[in-house]
Amino acid sequence: MSVTNINGNQAFQLPNGTFWLASGAYTNCTVAHCPVALSVYGYRPSLAASGVLIALYFICMIIQIVLGFRYKTWWFMGSMVFGCIDEILGYAGRILYWQNPWAQPGFIMQIVCITIGPVFFAAAIYVMLTQIITYLSPSHSRFAPKLFIWIFIPFDILSLVLQAIGGAMSSSSNGKSSTAVNIALAGLSIQVITLFFFCVLIVDYAIRSRSVWTKAALPTRFKVFCGFLALATILILIRCSYRIFELSEGYSRNSKALRDEGLFIGLESVMVIVAAYCLVVAHPGPVFKSGRLPPSDSERTSVEK
């Protein structure tokens, strides 16, 4: 048994002279005939991990639907539900990839869906800055609260489009297209930069509005909301940074980062599912149902004057 190269495509030759192609348009390898090391990722994804993640995202989706209808938070619910569906399809793709690491359907599903899934969760987070400003003190913001939506959502959509195009091109070329990788990296980079500036603007607003929130009796629910929203943002930022590192060498069979499932589970799967559940705790419905924070004593006095 030996590995050879036929017209630029990897092939596995059995002792009887039969060739099994591991790449290219005529790939016919299966786990019964070829070593899994010849596949793009070099491993068969964990069935247990994929199954658990599908179940967790399904539960998260149901919770978000219930809360969305209860509090009529349609944008937040839509973003979270689309994100959960996307992740479920992605990990279903990894199960298909486990069945046959050389088949296109599983590779396409997991590479596209898992790559773009967190974009929807980020969209849910971005809108929260507008609601936080409206709740605390719009007058302390550098911009009108709704302007933040027009700043961040277009960049989020651009990131989504680039990652989807890059993922689709990579899957159709079996990971061989460097252009596809560069497009996906551009999308991920835009997402990281957008999240970074989102964090900067949150800190900026926190500093500018400190006279409000340091004197007001902030509800515990609001404090918990802010803590889990911040954690979800950081987790998605870590995840996107990891994906840039993972794709830095493209879909090369020599890439250690790409072929390390433990790293993928730790910095992709765990980061995103924990972020998704952080956004269950940081649901805007219970926090912002009253509209805005009750005015402080000093604000009441200034209004009376």
Protein backbone atom coordinates (compact mmCIF):
# COMPACT_ATOMS: atom_id res chain seq x y z
CA MET A 1 0.00 0.00 0.00
CA SER A 2 1.35 3.41 -0.94
CA VAL A 3 0.38 7.05 -1.41
CA THR A 4 1.11 8.52 -4.83
CA ASN A 5 0.19 11.53 -6.96
CA ILE A 6 -1.89 11.37 -10.13
CA ASN A 7 -2.28 14.59 -12.14
CA GLY A 8 -1.75 16.65 -9.00
CA ASN A 9 -4.24 14.64 -6.94
CA GLN A 10 -3.41 12.37 -4.03
CA ALA A 11 -4.12 8.70 -4.59
CA PHE A 12 -3.87 5.55 -2.47
CA GLN A 13 -2.70 2.38 -4.20
CA LEU A 14 -3.67 -1.04 -2.91
CA PRO A 15 -1.34 -4.06 -3.30
CA ASN A 16 -3.49 -5.34 -6.18
CA GLY A 17 -2.77 -2.14 -8.13
CA THR A 18 -6.17 -0.49 -7.56
CA PHE A 19 -6.05 3.30 -7.14
CA TRP A 20 -8.34 5.25 -4.82
CA LEU A 21 -8.29 9.02 -5.39
CA ALA A 22 -8.21 11.16 -2.23
CA SER A 23 -8.69 14.54 -3.96
CA GLY A 24 -9.83 16.06 -7.23
CA ALA A 25 -13.04 15.86 -9.23
CA TYR A 26 -12.98 12.05 -9.31
CA THR A 27 -12.39 11.41 -5.61
CA ASN A 28 -13.60 7.92 -4.71
CA CYS A 29 -11.86 7.21 -1.41
CA THR A 30 -13.86 5.78 1.48
CA VAL A 31 -12.84 4.91 5.05
CA ALA A 32 -12.93 1.25 4.04
CA HIS A 33 -10.15 1.72 1.47
CA CYS A 34 -8.09 4.84 2.30
CA PRO A 35 -6.32 6.05 5.46
CA VAL A 36 -8.18 9.01 6.99
CA ALA A 37 -4.90 10.94 7.06
CA LEU A 38 -5.42 11.53 3.32
CA SER A 39 -8.60 13.55 3.95
CA VAL A 40 -8.55 17.35 4.25
CA TYR A 41 -8.81 17.39 8.04
CA GLY A 42 -6.88 14.18 8.60
CA TYR A 43 -9.38 12.85 11.15
CA ARG A 44 -12.97 11.68 11.48
CA PRO A 45 -14.90 14.22 13.61
CA SER A 46 -16.12 13.07 17.00
CA LEU A 47 -19.67 11.77 16.72
CA ALA A 48 -20.26 12.35 20.43
CA ALA A 49 -19.16 16.00 20.26
CA SER A 50 -21.25 16.70 17.15
CA GLY A 51 -24.33 15.01 18.64
CA VAL A 52 -24.08 16.89 21.93
CA LEU A 53 -23.62 20.21 20.14
CA ILE A 54 -26.63 19.61 17.88
CA ALA A 55 -28.76 18.85 20.97
CA LEU A 56 -27.50 21.93 22.83
CA TYR A 57 -28.14 24.25 19.88
CA PHE A 58 -31.62 22.80 19.44
CA ILE A 59 -32.43 23.45 23.10
CA CYS A 60 -30.99 26.97 22.83
CA MET A 61 -33.13 27.62 19.75
CA ILE A 62 -36.33 26.51 21.50
CA ILE A 63 -35.55 28.73 24.50
CA GLN A 64 -34.93 31.71 22.21
CA ILE A 65 -38.20 31.12 20.35
CA VAL A 66 -40.16 30.98 23.63
CA LEU A 67 -38.48 34.12 25.00
CA GLY A 68 -38.77 35.90 21.66
CA PHE A 69 -42.53 35.42 21.48
CA ARG A 70 -42.97 36.26 25.15
CA TYR A 71 -41.09 39.56 24.97
CA LYS A 72 -41.60 40.28 21.23
CA THR A 73 -37.84 40.65 20.66
CA TRP A 74 -38.08 39.73 17.00
CA TRP A 75 -34.62 40.83 15.83
CA PHE A 76 -32.83 39.16 18.71
CA MET A 77 -34.89 35.99 18.34
CA GLY A 78 -34.39 35.86 14.58
CA SER A 79 -30.63 36.31 14.83
CA MET A 80 -30.29 33.64 17.51
CA VAL A 81 -32.58 31.15 15.77
CA PHE A 82 -30.78 31.53 12.44
CA GLY A 83 -27.46 31.12 14.24
CA CYS A 84 -28.61 27.95 16.01
CA ILE A 85 -30.04 26.44 12.80
CA ASP A 86 -26.79 27.24 11.02
CA GLU A 87 -24.71 25.54 13.73
CA ILE A 88 -27.02 22.50 13.77
CA LEU A 89 -26.58 22.09 10.01
CA GLY A 90 -22.83 22.55 10.40
CA TYR A 91 -22.44 19.80 12.97
CA ALA A 92 -24.81 17.57 10.99
CA GLY A 93 -22.29 18.11 8.20
CA ARG A 94 -19.50 16.93 10.50
CA ILE A 95 -21.47 13.74 11.12
CA LEU A 96 -21.71 13.23 7.35
CA TYR A 97 -18.00 13.99 7.14
CA TRP A 98 -17.39 11.27 9.77
CA GLN A 99 -19.23 8.80 7.54
CA ASN A 100 -17.06 9.69 4.54
CA PRO A 101 -14.27 12.32 4.90
CA TRP A 102 -13.95 12.51 1.11
CA ALA A 103 -17.62 13.13 0.24
CA GLN A 104 -18.65 16.68 -0.74
CA PRO A 105 -21.98 17.12 1.14
CA GLY A 106 -20.55 16.81 4.65
CA PHE A 107 -17.51 18.93 3.82
CA ILE A 108 -19.64 21.67 2.26
CA MET A 109 -22.16 21.77 5.11
CA GLN A 110 -19.67 21.96 7.93
CA ILE A 111 -17.21 24.33 6.28
CA VAL A 112 -19.90 26.87 5.30
CA CYS A 113 -22.36 26.65 8.18
CA ILE A 114 -19.93 26.44 11.10
CA THR A 115 -17.87 29.26 9.61
CA ILE A 116 -20.74 31.74 9.31
CA GLY A 117 -22.85 30.69 12.33
CA PRO A 118 -21.37 33.15 14.88
CA VAL A 119 -22.08 36.07 12.52
CA PHE A 120 -25.77 35.76 13.46
CA PHE A 121 -24.94 35.75 17.18
CA ALA A 122 -22.77 38.84 16.67
CA ALA A 123 -25.71 40.57 14.98
CA ALA A 124 -27.82 39.91 18.07
CA ILE A 125 -25.07 41.41 20.25
CA TYR A 126 -24.61 44.57 18.18
CA VAL A 127 -28.23 45.64 18.61
CA MET A 128 -27.83 45.39 22.38
CA LEU A 129 -25.53 48.43 22.48
CA THR A 130 -28.40 50.56 21.15
CA GLN A 131 -30.72 49.21 23.83
CA ILE A 132 -28.17 49.71 26.61
CA ILE A 133 -27.68 53.35 25.60
CA THR A 134 -31.42 53.96 25.37
CA TYR A 135 -31.91 52.31 28.77
CA LEU A 136 -29.15 54.17 30.63
CA SER A 137 -28.72 57.62 29.10
CA PRO A 138 -28.90 58.47 25.38
CA SER A 139 -27.50 61.96 26.09
CA HIS A 140 -24.11 60.50 27.10
CA SER A 141 -23.61 58.67 23.79
CA ARG A 142 -21.37 60.07 21.07
CA PHE A 143 -23.93 59.03 18.47
CA ALA A 144 -27.67 58.56 18.28
CA PRO A 145 -28.39 55.03 19.59
CA LYS A 146 -29.86 53.72 16.32
CA LEU A 147 -26.78 54.87 14.42
CA PHE A 148 -24.83 52.00 16.00
CA ILE A 149 -27.11 49.56 14.20
CA TRP A 150 -26.31 51.23 10.87
CA ILE A 151 -22.60 51.08 11.70
CA PHE A 152 -22.25 47.47 12.83
CA ILE A 153 -24.93 45.48 11.00
CA PRO A 154 -23.66 46.33 7.46
CA PHE A 155 -20.16 45.19 8.45
CA ASP A 156 -21.67 42.05 9.97
CA ILE A 157 -23.51 41.36 6.70
CA LEU A 158 -20.32 41.96 4.71
CA SER A 159 -18.47 39.54 6.98
CA LEU A 160 -21.25 36.98 6.51
CA VAL A 161 -21.19 37.28 2.72
CA LEU A 162 -17.40 36.99 2.47
CA GLN A 163 -17.25 34.00 4.82
CA ALA A 164 -20.09 32.28 2.97
CA ILE A 165 -18.48 32.87 -0.44
CA GLY A 166 -15.06 31.78 0.82
CA GLY A 167 -16.51 28.67 2.45
CA ALA A 168 -18.53 27.73 -0.64
CA MET A 169 -15.53 28.20 -2.93
CA SER A 170 -13.32 26.19 -0.59
CA SER A 171 -15.80 23.34 -0.43
CA SER A 172 -16.29 23.22 -4.20
CA SER A 173 -12.51 23.12 -4.71
CA ASN A 174 -12.01 20.60 -1.90
CA GLY A 175 -9.97 23.20 -0.04
CA LYS A 176 -7.49 23.78 -2.87
CA SER A 177 -8.45 27.36 -3.77
CA SER A 178 -6.16 29.93 -2.14
CA THR A 179 -8.53 32.67 -3.35
CA ALA A 180 -11.38 31.05 -1.42
CA VAL A 181 -9.26 30.92 1.74
CA ASN A 182 -8.29 34.58 1.36
CA ILE A 183 -11.93 35.60 0.94
CA ALA A 184 -12.93 33.67 4.05
CA LEU A 185 -10.00 35.18 5.97
CA ALA A 186 -11.12 38.65 4.86
CA GLY A 187 -14.60 37.95 6.21
CA LEU A 188 -13.23 36.67 9.52
CA SER A 189 -10.86 39.64 9.78
CA ILE A 190 -13.74 42.08 9.25
CA GLN A 191 -15.69 40.31 11.98
CA VAL A 192 -12.76 40.54 14.41
CA ILE A 193 -12.20 44.23 13.63
CA THR A 194 -15.93 44.96 13.97
CA LEU A 195 -16.11 43.16 17.33
CA PHE A 196 -13.01 45.00 18.52
CA PHE A 197 -14.46 48.42 17.70
CA PHE A 198 -17.75 47.35 19.25
CA CYS A 199 -15.88 46.66 22.49
CA VAL A 200 -14.09 50.02 22.20
CA LEU A 201 -17.38 51.88 21.81
CA ILE A 202 -18.91 50.02 24.76
CA VAL A 203 -15.97 51.02 26.97
CA ASP A 204 -16.18 54.58 25.64
CA TYR A 205 -19.87 54.80 26.47
CA ALA A 206 -19.29 53.25 29.91
CA ILE A 207 -16.74 55.99 30.67
CA ARG A 208 -18.92 58.82 29.32
CA SER A 209 -22.01 57.61 31.21
CA ARG A 210 -20.27 56.76 34.50
CA SER A 211 -22.01 59.67 36.24
CA VAL A 212 -25.29 57.87 35.55
CA TRP A 213 -24.53 54.25 36.34
CA THR A 214 -22.27 54.96 39.35
CA LYS A 215 -25.06 56.87 41.08
CA ALA A 216 -28.07 54.88 39.96
CA ALA A 217 -29.27 51.74 41.70
CA LEU A 218 -28.77 49.44 38.75
CA PRO A 219 -31.04 46.37 38.85
CA THR A 220 -29.19 43.11 39.45
CA ARG A 221 -30.80 41.74 36.31
CA PHE A 222 -29.19 44.51 34.25
CA LYS A 223 -25.76 43.84 35.79
CA VAL A 224 -26.07 40.13 35.02
CA PHE A 225 -27.20 40.98 31.49
CA CYS A 226 -24.14 43.18 30.89
CA GLY A 227 -21.76 40.58 32.34
CA PHE A 228 -23.01 37.75 30.14
CA LEU A 229 -23.25 39.98 27.07
CA ALA A 230 -19.61 40.97 27.57
CA LEU A 231 -18.61 37.31 28.02
CA ALA A 232 -20.43 36.28 24.82
CA THR A 233 -18.67 39.06 22.90
CA ILE A 234 -15.23 38.01 24.18
CA LEU A 235 -15.88 34.32 23.41
CA ILE A 236 -16.91 35.07 19.81
CA LEU A 237 -13.88 37.35 19.43
CA ILE A 238 -11.60 34.52 20.64
CA ARG A 239 -13.30 32.09 18.27
CA CYS A 240 -12.89 34.36 15.23
CA SER A 241 -9.24 34.96 16.08
CA TYR A 242 -8.72 31.18 16.25
CA ARG A 243 -10.38 30.66 12.87
CA ILE A 244 -8.01 33.18 11.31
CA PHE A 245 -5.11 31.23 12.80
CA GLU A 246 -6.63 27.92 11.65
CA LEU A 247 -6.98 29.10 8.05
CA SER A 248 -3.61 30.88 7.95
CA GLU A 249 -2.12 27.89 6.07
CA GLY A 250 -5.27 27.25 4.05
CA TYR A 251 -6.71 23.75 3.72
CA SER A 252 -3.28 22.22 3.42
CA ARG A 253 -2.77 18.67 4.58
CA ASN A 254 0.40 19.99 6.22
CA SER A 255 -1.48 22.45 8.42
CA LYS A 256 -1.23 21.35 12.05
CA ALA A 257 -3.90 23.83 13.20
CA LEU A 258 -6.43 22.60 10.63
CA ARG A 259 -5.88 18.96 11.52
CA ASP A 260 -6.10 19.40 15.31
CA GLU A 261 -9.63 18.40 16.35
CA GLY A 262 -8.98 19.14 20.03
CA LEU A 263 -8.10 22.72 19.16
CA PHE A 264 -11.22 22.99 16.98
CA ILE A 265 -13.52 21.71 19.72
CA GLY A 266 -11.92 23.92 22.38
CA LEU A 267 -11.70 27.20 20.44
CA GLU A 268 -14.59 26.82 17.99
CA SER A 269 -17.24 24.49 19.38
CA VAL A 270 -16.96 25.34 23.08
CA MET A 271 -16.50 29.09 22.54
CA VAL A 272 -19.58 29.44 20.35
CA ILE A 273 -21.98 27.19 22.28
CA VAL A 274 -21.07 28.90 25.56
CA ALA A 275 -21.57 32.29 23.86
CA ALA A 276 -24.99 31.13 22.62
CA TYR A 277 -26.09 30.23 26.16
CA CYS A 278 -24.61 33.46 27.52
CA LEU A 279 -27.06 35.18 25.18
CA VAL A 280 -29.88 33.20 26.78
CA VAL A 281 -28.97 34.71 30.15
CA ALA A 282 -28.35 38.08 28.46
CA HIS A 283 -31.75 38.11 26.80
CA PRO A 284 -32.95 41.70 26.35
CA GLY A 285 -36.61 40.98 27.09
CA PRO A 286 -36.62 40.89 30.91
CA VAL A 287 -34.10 43.75 31.15
CA PHE A 288 -35.53 46.35 28.79
CA LYS A 289 -39.25 45.71 29.12
CA SER A 290 -39.55 48.88 31.28
CA GLY A 291 -38.06 51.06 28.54
CA ARG A 292 -35.26 52.84 30.41
CA LEU A 293 -33.61 53.17 33.80
CA PRO A 294 -35.65 55.22 36.29
CA PRO A 295 -34.15 58.72 36.66
CA SER A 296 -31.77 59.37 39.53
CA ASP A 297 -32.45 61.94 42.25
CA SER A 298 -30.16 64.45 40.52
CA GLU A 299 -31.97 63.96 37.19
CA ARG A 300 -35.36 64.46 38.88
CA THR A 301 -34.11 67.64 40.50
CA SER A 302 -32.80 69.04 37.18
CA VAL A 303 -36.13 68.23 35.52
CA GLU A 304 -38.11 69.92 38.32
CA LYS A 305 -35.97 73.05 38.00
